[in-house]
Amino acid sequence: MDRDDILALKVRSAKGALVRLGTLMDIQDTSGPTLVQRYNIYVSVPLQGNPTPGTSTGAAIKKMEEIVAKVLPPGCT
């Protein structure tokens, strides 16, 4: 499919008439991420961190969880 094919698609109006999609919208080229990560169907963002020398992995994970709890809005963890 190309632009003209998409713009020629018809959708129903509130009154039931068929309307060309091209009369309702324009198509614009944009760029975005090549990969959209998801977790349980929601868009997600990976977080990474490295422990300082001498810090255990468990302590580093606990510290990252504390930071996330302070920074992210409720419900994001």
C-alpha atoms as a PDB file:
ATOM      1  CA  MET A   1       0.000   0.000   0.000  1.00  0.00           C
ATOM      2  CA  ASP A   2       1.120   3.532  -0.594  1.00  0.00           C
ATOM      3  CA  ARG A   3      -0.134   6.953   0.540  1.00  0.00           C
ATOM      4  CA  ASP A   4      -2.884   7.212  -2.051  1.00  0.00           C
ATOM      5  CA  ASP A   5      -4.236   3.782  -1.121  1.00  0.00           C
ATOM      6  CA  ILE A   6      -4.433   4.780   2.535  1.00  0.00           C
ATOM      7  CA  LEU A   7      -6.020   8.148   1.783  1.00  0.00           C
ATOM      8  CA  ALA A   8      -8.600   6.435  -0.458  1.00  0.00           C
ATOM      9  CA  LEU A   9      -9.838   4.167   2.355  1.00  0.00           C
ATOM     10  CA  LYS A  10     -13.365   5.006   3.438  1.00  0.00           C
ATOM     11  CA  VAL A  11     -14.705   5.275   6.971  1.00  0.00           C
ATOM     12  CA  ARG A  12     -18.211   5.901   8.238  1.00  0.00           C
ATOM     13  CA  SER A  13     -19.159   9.345   9.465  1.00  0.00           C
ATOM     14  CA  ALA A  14     -21.366   9.956  12.495  1.00  0.00           C
ATOM     15  CA  LYS A  15     -24.329  10.019  10.095  1.00  0.00           C
ATOM     16  CA  GLY A  16     -23.349   6.717   8.480  1.00  0.00           C
ATOM     17  CA  ALA A  17     -22.048   8.102   5.182  1.00  0.00           C
ATOM     18  CA  LEU A  18     -18.785   6.805   3.742  1.00  0.00           C
ATOM     19  CA  VAL A  19     -16.044   9.432   3.793  1.00  0.00           C
ATOM     20  CA  ARG A  20     -12.598   9.181   2.233  1.00  0.00           C
ATOM     21  CA  LEU A  21      -9.926   9.085   4.914  1.00  0.00           C
ATOM     22  CA  GLY A  22      -7.957  11.649   2.887  1.00  0.00           C
ATOM     23  CA  THR A  23     -10.607  14.271   3.657  1.00  0.00           C
ATOM     24  CA  LEU A  24     -10.018  13.792   7.391  1.00  0.00           C
ATOM     25  CA  MET A  25      -6.240  13.524   7.661  1.00  0.00           C
ATOM     26  CA  ASP A  26      -2.860  14.092   6.061  1.00  0.00           C
ATOM     27  CA  ILE A  27       0.052  11.675   6.023  1.00  0.00           C
ATOM     28  CA  GLN A  28       3.434  12.954   7.147  1.00  0.00           C
ATOM     29  CA  ASP A  29       6.746  11.129   7.170  1.00  0.00           C
ATOM     30  CA  THR A  30       8.310  11.004  10.608  1.00  0.00           C
ATOM     31  CA  SER A  31      11.031   8.981  12.214  1.00  0.00           C
ATOM     32  CA  GLY A  32      10.903   7.166  15.488  1.00  0.00           C
ATOM     33  CA  PRO A  33      12.560   4.374  17.393  1.00  0.00           C
ATOM     34  CA  THR A  34      13.416   1.259  15.424  1.00  0.00           C
ATOM     35  CA  LEU A  35      12.310  -0.824  18.394  1.00  0.00           C
ATOM     36  CA  VAL A  36       9.430  -0.231  20.770  1.00  0.00           C
ATOM     37  CA  GLN A  37       9.843  -2.362  23.865  1.00  0.00           C
ATOM     38  CA  ARG A  38       6.738  -3.662  25.553  1.00  0.00           C
ATOM     39  CA  TYR A  39       5.921  -5.380  28.826  1.00  0.00           C
ATOM     40  CA  ASN A  40       2.400  -6.816  29.262  1.00  0.00           C
ATOM     41  CA  ILE A  41       1.299  -4.923  26.087  1.00  0.00           C
ATOM     42  CA  TYR A  42       2.380  -1.550  27.515  1.00  0.00           C
ATOM     43  CA  VAL A  43       5.273   0.477  26.130  1.00  0.00           C
ATOM     44  CA  SER A  44       8.215   0.084  28.489  1.00  0.00           C
ATOM     45  CA  VAL A  45      11.612   1.654  29.028  1.00  0.00           C
ATOM     46  CA  PRO A  46      14.560  -0.471  30.092  1.00  0.00           C
ATOM     47  CA  LEU A  47      16.538   0.791  33.080  1.00  0.00           C
ATOM     48  CA  GLN A  48      20.149  -0.195  33.547  1.00  0.00           C
ATOM     49  CA  GLY A  49      22.593   0.310  36.346  1.00  0.00           C
ATOM     50  CA  ASN A  50      25.974  -0.969  37.456  1.00  0.00           C
ATOM     51  CA  PRO A  51      27.018  -1.462  41.070  1.00  0.00           C
ATOM     52  CA  THR A  52      30.029   0.413  42.331  1.00  0.00           C
ATOM     53  CA  PRO A  53      33.061  -1.751  43.049  1.00  0.00           C
ATOM     54  CA  GLY A  54      32.545  -3.664  46.285  1.00  0.00           C
ATOM     55  CA  THR A  55      28.727  -3.423  46.188  1.00  0.00           C
ATOM     56  CA  SER A  56      26.783  -6.658  45.912  1.00  0.00           C
ATOM     57  CA  THR A  57      24.257  -7.226  43.167  1.00  0.00           C
ATOM     58  CA  GLY A  58      21.448  -7.500  45.724  1.00  0.00           C
ATOM     59  CA  ALA A  59      22.392  -4.175  47.322  1.00  0.00           C
ATOM     60  CA  ALA A  60      22.568  -2.518  43.892  1.00  0.00           C
ATOM     61  CA  ILE A  61      19.107  -3.821  42.946  1.00  0.00           C
ATOM     62  CA  LYS A  62      17.691  -2.614  46.265  1.00  0.00           C
ATOM     63  CA  LYS A  63      19.186   0.859  45.691  1.00  0.00           C
ATOM     64  CA  MET A  64      17.731   1.034  42.156  1.00  0.00           C
ATOM     65  CA  GLU A  65      14.301   0.052  43.528  1.00  0.00           C
ATOM     66  CA  GLU A  66      14.553   2.859  46.106  1.00  0.00           C
ATOM     67  CA  ILE A  67      15.448   5.395  43.396  1.00  0.00           C
ATOM     68  CA  VAL A  68      12.598   4.206  41.152  1.00  0.00           C
ATOM     69  CA  ALA A  69      10.110   4.474  44.041  1.00  0.00           C
ATOM     70  CA  LYS A  70      11.154   8.113  44.606  1.00  0.00           C
ATOM     71  CA  VAL A  71      11.339   9.210  40.969  1.00  0.00           C
ATOM     72  CA  LEU A  72       8.551   7.429  39.078  1.00  0.00           C
ATOM     73  CA  PRO A  73       4.866   8.237  39.576  1.00  0.00           C
ATOM     74  CA  PRO A  74       2.706   5.763  41.543  1.00  0.00           C
ATOM     75  CA  GLY A  75       1.732   2.668  39.596  1.00  0.00           C
ATOM     76  CA  CYS A  76       4.807   2.590  37.365  1.00  0.00           C
ATOM     77  CA  THR A  77       6.717  -0.012  39.346  1.00  0.00           C
END
